[in-house]
Structures are given as structure tokens and as C-alpha cells.
Amino acid sequence: MTHLDVAMSESRPEKADWPESKPIRGDAGPIYAFRRGYRVKDAGRHENADQYSCFQKFLLLQGGRTFKALESVTNHSAPTLASWADTFNWQRRAAAYDKEHIS
């Protein structure tokens, strides 16, 4: 081992010291935030940006939250929206949103 190898190994931080290797602490955001409020294992994948955009529009409908109403403000059919809502727990997430923002 050369002097250069020793110097480099001494100055290089251990992997455990890298910020990327440490768990994120604190709140990851509310249940209705992007990619939150559902289990990826159950859903099979993350909600994409288009699906989340439809979910946000669903939240804004408040008292009139129906897939027929949502269909009129998005480019997706009511059965597609209902499928996404079921997969990504839109009802549960909307209830959490209402509880925080309306009450």
C-alpha cells in the first residue's frame, strides 16, 4: 500500500457517514400529498403526476365528489378515475384533507 492509498483511505468518509445513507427524519407530509396515503406494495406502483393531478381536482370538488363530475374536468373516463381512486385510496386521503382544511 502506498502513501497515497493510505491518505485517500483516511480522508474518505465511511458509507454510514454519507447523508444519503441516513434515514429521512421528520414528517414526510400529509396523507393527501403526492405519493402518500397508499401502500405501493398494494397499489403495485406509485401514483404518476397525471393521476395525482386528477386527485387534486377530486379534492377541489369537495361536496360534489363524484367520478362523473371529475370526468367533466379531466380527460379521463369515470371508470378509469374510479379505478385510480380505489388503487390510491382517494376517499381516505380526501377525508384526511377535509379534516385538516375544512374543520
PDB file of N, CA and C in Angstrom:
ATOM      1  N   MET A   1       0.849  -1.177   0.000  1.00  0.00           N
ATOM      2  CA  MET A   1       0.000   0.000   0.000  1.00  0.00           C
ATOM      3  C   MET A   1       0.897   1.245   0.000  1.00  0.00           C
ATOM      4  N   THR A   2       0.618   2.165  -0.893  1.00  0.00           N
ATOM      5  CA  THR A   2       1.434   3.369  -0.991  1.00  0.00           C
ATOM      6  C   THR A   2       0.936   4.429  -0.026  1.00  0.00           C
ATOM      7  N   HIS A   3       1.739   5.480   0.106  1.00  0.00           N
ATOM      8  CA  HIS A   3       1.335   6.601   0.974  1.00  0.00           C
ATOM      9  C   HIS A   3       0.052   7.263   0.458  1.00  0.00           C
ATOM     10  N   LEU A   4      -0.085   7.303  -0.866  1.00  0.00           N
ATOM     11  CA  LEU A   4      -1.279   7.899  -1.460  1.00  0.00           C
ATOM     12  C   LEU A   4      -2.528   7.080  -1.112  1.00  0.00           C
ATOM     13  N   ASP A   5      -2.432   5.747  -1.175  1.00  0.00           N
ATOM     14  CA  ASP A   5      -3.567   4.892  -0.821  1.00  0.00           C
ATOM     15  C   ASP A   5      -3.978   5.088   0.629  1.00  0.00           C
ATOM     16  N   VAL A   6      -2.995   5.198   1.520  1.00  0.00           N
ATOM     17  CA  VAL A   6      -3.279   5.393   2.941  1.00  0.00           C
ATOM     18  C   VAL A   6      -3.952   6.742   3.154  1.00  0.00           C
ATOM     19  N   ALA A   7      -3.453   7.783   2.519  1.00  0.00           N
ATOM     20  CA  ALA A   7      -4.016   9.125   2.671  1.00  0.00           C
ATOM     21  C   ALA A   7      -5.450   9.177   2.144  1.00  0.00           C
ATOM     22  N   MET A   8      -5.703   8.522   1.010  1.00  0.00           N
ATOM     23  CA  MET A   8      -7.056   8.545   0.443  1.00  0.00           C
ATOM     24  C   MET A   8      -8.028   7.763   1.315  1.00  0.00           C
ATOM     25  N   SER A   9      -7.590   6.633   1.856  1.00  0.00           N
ATOM     26  CA  SER A   9      -8.496   5.843   2.685  1.00  0.00           C
ATOM     27  C   SER A   9      -8.803   6.544   3.992  1.00  0.00           C
ATOM     28  N   GLU A  10      -7.880   7.344   4.492  1.00  0.00           N
ATOM     29  CA  GLU A  10      -8.117   8.078   5.742  1.00  0.00           C
ATOM     30  C   GLU A  10      -9.047   9.264   5.532  1.00  0.00           C
ATOM     31  N   SER A  11      -9.019   9.884   4.341  1.00  0.00           N
ATOM     32  CA  SER A  11      -9.840  11.076   4.108  1.00  0.00           C
ATOM     33  C   SER A  11     -11.240  10.747   3.591  1.00  0.00           C
ATOM     34  N   ARG A  12     -11.435   9.527   3.114  1.00  0.00           N
ATOM     35  CA  ARG A  12     -12.734   9.143   2.566  1.00  0.00           C
ATOM     36  C   ARG A  12     -13.694   8.801   3.707  1.00  0.00           C
ATOM     37  N   PRO A  13     -14.866   9.421   3.749  1.00  0.00           N
ATOM     38  CA  PRO A  13     -15.810   9.104   4.824  1.00  0.00           C
ATOM     39  C   PRO A  13     -16.384   7.702   4.648  1.00  0.00           C
ATOM     40  N   GLU A  14     -16.735   7.095   5.721  1.00  0.00           N
ATOM     41  CA  GLU A  14     -17.383   5.792   5.681  1.00  0.00           C
ATOM     42  C   GLU A  14     -18.779   5.954   5.102  1.00  0.00           C
ATOM     43  N   LYS A  15     -19.313   4.896   4.510  1.00  0.00           N
ATOM     44  CA  LYS A  15     -20.636   4.960   3.900  1.00  0.00           C
ATOM     45  C   LYS A  15     -21.702   5.369   4.915  1.00  0.00           C
ATOM     46  N   ALA A  16     -21.537   4.945   6.164  1.00  0.00           N
ATOM     47  CA  ALA A  16     -22.512   5.290   7.202  1.00  0.00           C
ATOM     48  C   ALA A  16     -22.545   6.789   7.469  1.00  0.00           C
ATOM     49  N   ASP A  17     -21.488   7.511   7.079  1.00  0.00           N
ATOM     50  CA  ASP A  17     -21.433   8.957   7.292  1.00  0.00           C
ATOM     51  C   ASP A  17     -22.053   9.748   6.144  1.00  0.00           C
ATOM     52  N   TRP A  18     -22.362   9.099   5.038  1.00  0.00           N
ATOM     53  CA  TRP A  18     -22.946   9.797   3.904  1.00  0.00           C
ATOM     54  C   TRP A  18     -24.364  10.217   4.242  1.00  0.00           C
ATOM     55  N   PRO A  19     -24.762  11.447   3.934  1.00  0.00           N
ATOM     56  CA  PRO A  19     -26.125  11.888   4.225  1.00  0.00           C
ATOM     57  C   PRO A  19     -27.180  11.036   3.518  1.00  0.00           C
ATOM     58  N   GLU A  20     -26.865  10.524   2.317  1.00  0.00           N
ATOM     59  CA  GLU A  20     -27.829   9.720   1.566  1.00  0.00           C
ATOM     60  C   GLU A  20     -28.132   8.392   2.243  1.00  0.00           C
ATOM     61  N   SER A  21     -27.208   7.928   3.100  1.00  0.00           N
ATOM     62  CA  SER A  21     -27.407   6.627   3.737  1.00  0.00           C
ATOM     63  C   SER A  21     -28.231   6.725   5.015  1.00  0.00           C
ATOM     64  N   LYS A  22     -28.468   7.946   5.467  1.00  0.00           N
ATOM     65  CA  LYS A  22     -29.220   8.122   6.704  1.00  0.00           C
ATOM     66  C   LYS A  22     -30.710   8.225   6.400  1.00  0.00           C
ATOM     67  N   PRO A  23     -31.539   7.654   7.263  1.00  0.00           N
ATOM     68  CA  PRO A  23     -32.982   7.751   7.031  1.00  0.00           C
ATOM     69  C   PRO A  23     -33.458   9.196   7.152  1.00  0.00           C
ATOM     70  N   ILE A  24     -34.460   9.529   6.376  1.00  0.00           N
ATOM     71  CA  ILE A  24     -35.041  10.864   6.445  1.00  0.00           C
ATOM     72  C   ILE A  24     -35.859  10.954   7.721  1.00  0.00           C
ATOM     73  N   ARG A  25     -35.613  11.968   8.483  1.00  0.00           N
ATOM     74  CA  ARG A  25     -36.353  12.147   9.732  1.00  0.00           C
ATOM     75  C   ARG A  25     -37.401  13.231   9.549  1.00  0.00           C
ATOM     76  N   GLY A  26     -38.367  13.203  10.414  1.00  0.00           N
ATOM     77  CA  GLY A  26     -39.403  14.230  10.366  1.00  0.00           C
ATOM     78  C   GLY A  26     -40.601  13.770   9.559  1.00  0.00           C
ATOM     79  N   ASP A  27     -41.504  14.687   9.362  1.00  0.00           N
ATOM     80  CA  ASP A  27     -42.755  14.393   8.687  1.00  0.00           C
ATOM     81  C   ASP A  27     -42.548  14.351   7.179  1.00  0.00           C
ATOM     82  N   ALA A  28     -43.014  13.317   6.552  1.00  0.00           N
ATOM     83  CA  ALA A  28     -42.898  13.176   5.096  1.00  0.00           C
ATOM     84  C   ALA A  28     -44.036  13.893   4.379  1.00  0.00           C
ATOM     85  N   GLY A  29     -44.906  14.525   5.124  1.00  0.00           N
ATOM     86  CA  GLY A  29     -46.012  15.243   4.514  1.00  0.00           C
ATOM     87  C   GLY A  29     -47.341  14.608   4.846  1.00  0.00           C
ATOM     88  N   PRO A  30     -48.404  15.336   4.585  1.00  0.00           N
ATOM     89  CA  PRO A  30     -49.737  14.808   4.899  1.00  0.00           C
ATOM     90  C   PRO A  30     -50.114  13.642   3.993  1.00  0.00           C
ATOM     91  N   ILE A  31     -51.084  12.902   4.422  1.00  0.00           N
ATOM     92  CA  ILE A  31     -51.541  11.700   3.720  1.00  0.00           C
ATOM     93  C   ILE A  31     -52.016  12.000   2.304  1.00  0.00           C
ATOM     94  N   TYR A  32     -52.473  13.208   2.039  1.00  0.00           N
ATOM     95  CA  TYR A  32     -53.005  13.541   0.725  1.00  0.00           C
ATOM     96  C   TYR A  32     -51.941  14.120  -0.205  1.00  0.00           C
ATOM     97  N   ALA A  33     -50.696  14.201   0.237  1.00  0.00           N
ATOM     98  CA  ALA A  33     -49.611  14.726  -0.590  1.00  0.00           C
ATOM     99  C   ALA A  33     -49.236  13.715  -1.672  1.00  0.00           C
ATOM    100  N   PHE A  34     -48.491  14.195  -2.663  1.00  0.00           N
ATOM    101  CA  PHE A  34     -48.056  13.358  -3.786  1.00  0.00           C
ATOM    102  C   PHE A  34     -47.321  12.124  -3.282  1.00  0.00           C
ATOM    103  N   ARG A  35     -47.708  10.981  -3.784  1.00  0.00           N
ATOM    104  CA  ARG A  35     -47.115   9.686  -3.451  1.00  0.00           C
ATOM    105  C   ARG A  35     -47.228   9.324  -1.970  1.00  0.00           C
ATOM    106  N   ARG A  36     -48.307   9.736  -1.344  1.00  0.00           N
ATOM    107  CA  ARG A  36     -48.553   9.397   0.054  1.00  0.00           C
ATOM    108  C   ARG A  36     -49.984   8.900   0.198  1.00  0.00           C
ATOM    109  N   GLY A  37     -50.263   8.157   1.250  1.00  0.00           N
ATOM    110  CA  GLY A  37     -51.621   7.749   1.569  1.00  0.00           C
ATOM    111  C   GLY A  37     -52.043   6.410   1.014  1.00  0.00           C
ATOM    112  N   TYR A  38     -51.124   5.698   0.410  1.00  0.00           N
ATOM    113  CA  TYR A  38     -51.418   4.367  -0.084  1.00  0.00           C
ATOM    114  C   TYR A  38     -50.143   3.551   0.010  1.00  0.00           C
ATOM    115  N   ARG A  39     -50.287   2.241  -0.046  1.00  0.00           N
ATOM    116  CA  ARG A  39     -49.119   1.373   0.014  1.00  0.00           C
ATOM    117  C   ARG A  39     -48.735   0.952  -1.402  1.00  0.00           C
ATOM    118  N   VAL A  40     -47.511   1.228  -1.763  1.00  0.00           N
ATOM    119  CA  VAL A  40     -47.045   0.877  -3.098  1.00  0.00           C
ATOM    120  C   VAL A  40     -47.153  -0.633  -3.309  1.00  0.00           C
ATOM    121  N   LYS A  41     -46.894  -1.396  -2.246  1.00  0.00           N
ATOM    122  CA  LYS A  41     -46.990  -2.851  -2.341  1.00  0.00           C
ATOM    123  C   LYS A  41     -48.401  -3.264  -2.770  1.00  0.00           C
ATOM    124  N   ASP A  42     -49.415  -2.603  -2.219  1.00  0.00           N
ATOM    125  CA  ASP A  42     -50.802  -2.918  -2.566  1.00  0.00           C
ATOM    126  C   ASP A  42     -51.186  -2.335  -3.929  1.00  0.00           C
ATOM    127  N   ALA A  43     -50.741  -1.117  -4.195  1.00  0.00           N
ATOM    128  CA  ALA A  43     -51.102  -0.441  -5.441  1.00  0.00           C
ATOM    129  C   ALA A  43     -50.334  -1.005  -6.631  1.00  0.00           C
ATOM    130  N   GLY A  44     -49.153  -1.541  -6.376  1.00  0.00           N
ATOM    131  CA  GLY A  44     -48.329  -2.082  -7.455  1.00  0.00           C
ATOM    132  C   GLY A  44     -47.347  -1.083  -8.023  1.00  0.00           C
ATOM    133  N   ARG A  45     -47.582   0.185  -7.805  1.00  0.00           N
ATOM    134  CA  ARG A  45     -46.681   1.241  -8.303  1.00  0.00           C
ATOM    135  C   ARG A  45     -47.085   2.565  -7.667  1.00  0.00           C
ATOM    136  N   HIS A  46     -46.253   3.577  -7.900  1.00  0.00           N
ATOM    137  CA  HIS A  46     -46.577   4.909  -7.397  1.00  0.00           C
ATOM    138  C   HIS A  46     -47.588   5.591  -8.307  1.00  0.00           C
ATOM    139  N   GLU A  47     -48.315   6.510  -7.725  1.00  0.00           N
ATOM    140  CA  GLU A  47     -49.238   7.366  -8.461  1.00  0.00           C
ATOM    141  C   GLU A  47     -48.397   8.279  -9.360  1.00  0.00           C
ATOM    142  N   ASN A  48     -48.751   8.381 -10.635  1.00  0.00           N
ATOM    143  CA  ASN A  48     -47.983   9.273 -11.508  1.00  0.00           C
ATOM    144  C   ASN A  48     -48.546  10.698 -11.426  1.00  0.00           C
ATOM    145  N   ALA A  49     -47.893  11.626 -12.093  1.00  0.00           N
ATOM    146  CA  ALA A  49     -48.273  13.040 -11.995  1.00  0.00           C
ATOM    147  C   ALA A  49     -49.688  13.286 -12.527  1.00  0.00           C
ATOM    148  N   ASP A  50     -50.081  12.603 -13.582  1.00  0.00           N
ATOM    149  CA  ASP A  50     -51.425  12.773 -14.146  1.00  0.00           C
ATOM    150  C   ASP A  50     -52.491  12.273 -13.165  1.00  0.00           C
ATOM    151  N   GLN A  51     -52.242  11.123 -12.565  1.00  0.00           N
ATOM    152  CA  GLN A  51     -53.180  10.582 -11.583  1.00  0.00           C
ATOM    153  C   GLN A  51     -53.283  11.507 -10.371  1.00  0.00           C
ATOM    154  N   TYR A  52     -52.155  12.050  -9.932  1.00  0.00           N
ATOM    155  CA  TYR A  52     -52.183  12.965  -8.789  1.00  0.00           C
ATOM    156  C   TYR A  52     -52.909  14.265  -9.145  1.00  0.00           C
ATOM    157  N   SER A  53     -52.740  14.734 -10.368  1.00  0.00           N
ATOM    158  CA  SER A  53     -53.450  15.932 -10.814  1.00  0.00           C
ATOM    159  C   SER A  53     -54.965  15.705 -10.761  1.00  0.00           C
ATOM    160  N   CYS A  54     -55.388  14.524 -11.184  1.00  0.00           N
ATOM    161  CA  CYS A  54     -56.824  14.183 -11.109  1.00  0.00           C
ATOM    162  C   CYS A  54     -57.274  14.109  -9.653  1.00  0.00           C
ATOM    163  N   PHE A  55     -56.424  13.572  -8.794  1.00  0.00           N
ATOM    164  CA  PHE A  55     -56.758  13.514  -7.364  1.00  0.00           C
ATOM    165  C   PHE A  55     -56.917  14.916  -6.788  1.00  0.00           C
ATOM    166  N   GLN A  56     -56.041  15.840  -7.172  1.00  0.00           N
ATOM    167  CA  GLN A  56     -56.162  17.223  -6.689  1.00  0.00           C
ATOM    168  C   GLN A  56     -57.473  17.852  -7.149  1.00  0.00           C
ATOM    169  N   LYS A  57     -57.864  17.586  -8.375  1.00  0.00           N
ATOM    170  CA  LYS A  57     -59.152  18.093  -8.869  1.00  0.00           C
ATOM    171  C   LYS A  57     -60.306  17.449  -8.108  1.00  0.00           C
ATOM    172  N   PHE A  58     -60.139  16.172  -7.768  1.00  0.00           N
ATOM    173  CA  PHE A  58     -61.128  15.461  -6.952  1.00  0.00           C
ATOM    174  C   PHE A  58     -61.282  16.147  -5.600  1.00  0.00           C
ATOM    175  N   LEU A  59     -60.166  16.569  -4.994  1.00  0.00           N
ATOM    176  CA  LEU A  59     -60.221  17.270  -3.705  1.00  0.00           C
ATOM    177  C   LEU A  59     -60.996  18.579  -3.818  1.00  0.00           C
ATOM    178  N   LEU A  60     -60.803  19.285  -4.907  1.00  0.00           N
ATOM    179  CA  LEU A  60     -61.443  20.591  -5.082  1.00  0.00           C
ATOM    180  C   LEU A  60     -62.948  20.497  -5.293  1.00  0.00           C
ATOM    181  N   LEU A  61     -63.445  19.319  -5.681  1.00  0.00           N
ATOM    182  CA  LEU A  61     -64.887  19.149  -5.860  1.00  0.00           C
ATOM    183  C   LEU A  61     -65.639  19.163  -4.525  1.00  0.00           C
ATOM    184  N   GLN A  62     -64.954  18.904  -3.440  1.00  0.00           N
ATOM    185  CA  GLN A  62     -65.468  18.865  -2.062  1.00  0.00           C
ATOM    186  C   GLN A  62     -66.817  18.157  -1.963  1.00  0.00           C
ATOM    187  N   GLY A  63     -67.908  18.869  -1.744  1.00  0.00           N
ATOM    188  CA  GLY A  63     -69.204  18.236  -1.507  1.00  0.00           C
ATOM    189  C   GLY A  63     -69.742  17.448  -2.691  1.00  0.00           C
ATOM    190  N   GLY A  64     -69.322  17.768  -3.897  1.00  0.00           N
ATOM    191  CA  GLY A  64     -69.807  17.087  -5.088  1.00  0.00           C
ATOM    192  C   GLY A  64     -68.793  16.130  -5.676  1.00  0.00           C
ATOM    193  N   ARG A  65     -68.105  15.400  -4.842  1.00  0.00           N
ATOM    194  CA  ARG A  65     -67.059  14.494  -5.318  1.00  0.00           C
ATOM    195  C   ARG A  65     -67.657  13.223  -5.931  1.00  0.00           C
ATOM    196  N   THR A  66     -67.885  13.288  -7.210  1.00  0.00           N
ATOM    197  CA  THR A  66     -68.324  12.107  -7.944  1.00  0.00           C
ATOM    198  C   THR A  66     -67.384  11.936  -9.137  1.00  0.00           C
ATOM    199  N   PHE A  67     -67.281  10.716  -9.600  1.00  0.00           N
ATOM    200  CA  PHE A  67     -66.396  10.474 -10.737  1.00  0.00           C
ATOM    201  C   PHE A  67     -66.989  11.043 -12.020  1.00  0.00           C
ATOM    202  N   LYS A  68     -68.301  11.151 -12.077  1.00  0.00           N
ATOM    203  CA  LYS A  68     -68.952  11.784 -13.228  1.00  0.00           C
ATOM    204  C   LYS A  68     -68.579  13.269 -13.286  1.00  0.00           C
ATOM    205  N   ALA A  69     -68.616  13.932 -12.126  1.00  0.00           N
ATOM    206  CA  ALA A  69     -68.221  15.349 -12.071  1.00  0.00           C
ATOM    207  C   ALA A  69     -66.738  15.514 -12.391  1.00  0.00           C
ATOM    208  N   LEU A  70     -65.934  14.610 -11.892  1.00  0.00           N
ATOM    209  CA  LEU A  70     -64.492  14.676 -12.139  1.00  0.00           C
ATOM    210  C   LEU A  70     -64.184  14.411 -13.615  1.00  0.00           C
ATOM    211  N   GLU A  71     -64.954  13.536 -14.221  1.00  0.00           N
ATOM    212  CA  GLU A  71     -64.785  13.223 -15.640  1.00  0.00           C
ATOM    213  C   GLU A  71     -64.940  14.482 -16.497  1.00  0.00           C
ATOM    214  N   SER A  72     -65.831  15.375 -16.079  1.00  0.00           N
ATOM    215  CA  SER A  72     -66.083  16.585 -16.868  1.00  0.00           C
ATOM    216  C   SER A  72     -64.934  17.603 -16.794  1.00  0.00           C
ATOM    217  N   VAL A  73     -64.069  17.488 -15.794  1.00  0.00           N
ATOM    218  CA  VAL A  73     -62.948  18.446 -15.666  1.00  0.00           C
ATOM    219  C   VAL A  73     -61.598  17.797 -15.956  1.00  0.00           C
ATOM    220  N   THR A  74     -61.599  16.517 -16.341  1.00  0.00           N
ATOM    221  CA  THR A  74     -60.359  15.832 -16.708  1.00  0.00           C
ATOM    222  C   THR A  74     -60.546  15.176 -18.068  1.00  0.00           C
ATOM    223  N   ASN A  75     -59.496  14.598 -18.587  1.00  0.00           N
ATOM    224  CA  ASN A  75     -59.562  13.891 -19.878  1.00  0.00           C
ATOM    225  C   ASN A  75     -59.688  12.388 -19.678  1.00  0.00           C
ATOM    226  N   HIS A  76     -60.257  11.962 -18.557  1.00  0.00           N
ATOM    227  CA  HIS A  76     -60.333  10.540 -18.242  1.00  0.00           C
ATOM    228  C   HIS A  76     -61.776  10.133 -17.967  1.00  0.00           C
ATOM    229  N   SER A  77     -62.076   8.876 -18.253  1.00  0.00           N
ATOM    230  CA  SER A  77     -63.429   8.368 -18.051  1.00  0.00           C
ATOM    231  C   SER A  77     -63.691   8.086 -16.572  1.00  0.00           C
ATOM    232  N   ALA A  78     -64.950   8.064 -16.204  1.00  0.00           N
ATOM    233  CA  ALA A  78     -65.335   7.790 -14.816  1.00  0.00           C
ATOM    234  C   ALA A  78     -64.839   6.416 -14.344  1.00  0.00           C
ATOM    235  N   PRO A  79     -64.910   5.348 -15.162  1.00  0.00           N
ATOM    236  CA  PRO A  79     -64.376   4.060 -14.699  1.00  0.00           C
ATOM    237  C   PRO A  79     -62.863   4.091 -14.436  1.00  0.00           C
ATOM    238  N   THR A  80     -62.132   4.823 -15.277  1.00  0.00           N
ATOM    239  CA  THR A  80     -60.683   4.957 -15.061  1.00  0.00           C
ATOM    240  C   THR A  80     -60.412   5.695 -13.761  1.00  0.00           C
ATOM    241  N   LEU A  81     -61.126   6.785 -13.534  1.00  0.00           N
ATOM    242  CA  LEU A  81     -60.952   7.570 -12.306  1.00  0.00           C
ATOM    243  C   LEU A  81     -61.327   6.746 -11.082  1.00  0.00           C
ATOM    244  N   ALA A  82     -62.393   5.958 -11.189  1.00  0.00           N
ATOM    245  CA  ALA A  82     -62.812   5.108 -10.067  1.00  0.00           C
ATOM    246  C   ALA A  82     -61.749   4.055  -9.756  1.00  0.00           C
ATOM    247  N   SER A  83     -61.125   3.529 -10.791  1.00  0.00           N
ATOM    248  CA  SER A  83     -60.059   2.544 -10.610  1.00  0.00           C
ATOM    249  C   SER A  83     -58.862   3.178  -9.897  1.00  0.00           C
ATOM    250  N   TRP A  84     -58.474   4.367 -10.342  1.00  0.00           N
ATOM    251  CA  TRP A  84     -57.366   5.073  -9.686  1.00  0.00           C
ATOM    252  C   TRP A  84     -57.714   5.395  -8.241  1.00  0.00           C
ATOM    253  N   ALA A  85     -58.941   5.831  -8.015  1.00  0.00           N
ATOM    254  CA  ALA A  85     -59.370   6.182  -6.656  1.00  0.00           C
ATOM    255  C   ALA A  85     -59.273   4.974  -5.729  1.00  0.00           C
ATOM    256  N   ASP A  86     -59.657   3.827  -6.237  1.00  0.00           N
ATOM    257  CA  ASP A  86     -59.594   2.608  -5.443  1.00  0.00           C
ATOM    258  C   ASP A  86     -58.138   2.198  -5.199  1.00  0.00           C
ATOM    259  N   THR A  87     -57.323   2.250  -6.229  1.00  0.00           N
ATOM    260  CA  THR A  87     -55.918   1.851  -6.122  1.00  0.00           C
ATOM    261  C   THR A  87     -55.132   2.744  -5.179  1.00  0.00           C
ATOM    262  N   PHE A  88     -55.379   4.046  -5.233  1.00  0.00           N
ATOM    263  CA  PHE A  88     -54.571   5.008  -4.480  1.00  0.00           C
ATOM    264  C   PHE A  88     -55.306   5.640  -3.293  1.00  0.00           C
ATOM    265  N   ASN A  89     -56.372   4.999  -2.842  1.00  0.00           N
ATOM    266  CA  ASN A  89     -57.095   5.423  -1.620  1.00  0.00           C
ATOM    267  C   ASN A  89     -57.527   6.887  -1.632  1.00  0.00           C
ATOM    268  N   TRP A  90     -58.120   7.346  -2.708  1.00  0.00           N
ATOM    269  CA  TRP A  90     -58.532   8.738  -2.799  1.00  0.00           C
ATOM    270  C   TRP A  90     -59.553   9.118  -1.732  1.00  0.00           C
ATOM    271  N   GLN A  91     -60.493   8.248  -1.430  1.00  0.00           N
ATOM    272  CA  GLN A  91     -61.527   8.583  -0.436  1.00  0.00           C
ATOM    273  C   GLN A  91     -60.908   8.836   0.934  1.00  0.00           C
ATOM    274  N   ARG A  92     -60.018   7.962   1.340  1.00  0.00           N
ATOM    275  CA  ARG A  92     -59.358   8.094   2.643  1.00  0.00           C
ATOM    276  C   ARG A  92     -58.495   9.355   2.687  1.00  0.00           C
ATOM    277  N   ARG A  93     -57.767   9.601   1.607  1.00  0.00           N
ATOM    278  CA  ARG A  93     -56.907  10.784   1.537  1.00  0.00           C
ATOM    279  C   ARG A  93     -57.739  12.066   1.502  1.00  0.00           C
ATOM    280  N   ALA A  94     -58.874  12.028   0.802  1.00  0.00           N
ATOM    281  CA  ALA A  94     -59.763  13.193   0.744  1.00  0.00           C
ATOM    282  C   ALA A  94     -60.367  13.467   2.119  1.00  0.00           C
ATOM    283  N   ALA A  95     -60.688  12.416   2.854  1.00  0.00           N
ATOM    284  CA  ALA A  95     -61.228  12.593   4.208  1.00  0.00           C
ATOM    285  C   ALA A  95     -60.201  13.256   5.113  1.00  0.00           C
ATOM    286  N   ALA A  96     -58.930  12.861   4.985  1.00  0.00           N
ATOM    287  CA  ALA A  96     -57.865  13.485   5.775  1.00  0.00           C
ATOM    288  C   ALA A  96     -57.684  14.954   5.376  1.00  0.00           C
ATOM    289  N   TYR A  97     -57.783  15.230   4.077  1.00  0.00           N
ATOM    290  CA  TYR A  97     -57.691  16.610   3.592  1.00  0.00           C
ATOM    291  C   TYR A  97     -58.829  17.443   4.167  1.00  0.00           C
ATOM    292  N   ASP A  98     -60.045  16.929   4.090  1.00  0.00           N
ATOM    293  CA  ASP A  98     -61.204  17.644   4.617  1.00  0.00           C
ATOM    294  C   ASP A  98     -61.056  17.911   6.102  1.00  0.00           C
ATOM    295  N   LYS A  99     -60.614  16.930   6.832  1.00  0.00           N
ATOM    296  CA  LYS A  99     -60.467  17.068   8.282  1.00  0.00           C
ATOM    297  C   LYS A  99     -59.493  18.180   8.623  1.00  0.00           C
ATOM    298  N   GLU A 100     -58.414  18.278   7.864  1.00  0.00           N
ATOM    299  CA  GLU A 100     -57.398  19.295   8.135  1.00  0.00           C
ATOM    300  C   GLU A 100     -57.779  20.673   7.622  1.00  0.00           C
ATOM    301  N   HIS A 101     -58.416  20.743   6.467  1.00  0.00           N
ATOM    302  CA  HIS A 101     -58.670  22.045   5.834  1.00  0.00           C
ATOM    303  C   HIS A 101     -60.062  22.615   6.041  1.00  0.00           C
ATOM    304  N   ILE A 102     -61.029  21.783   6.356  1.00  0.00           N
ATOM    305  CA  ILE A 102     -62.395  22.287   6.484  1.00  0.00           C
ATOM    306  C   ILE A 102     -62.780  22.501   7.938  1.00  0.00           C
ATOM    307  N   SER A 103     -62.294  21.654   8.819  1.00  0.00           N
ATOM    308  CA  SER A 103     -62.690  21.796  10.225  1.00  0.00           C
ATOM    309  C   SER A 103     -61.872  22.799  10.976  1.00  0.00           C
TER     310      SER A 103
END
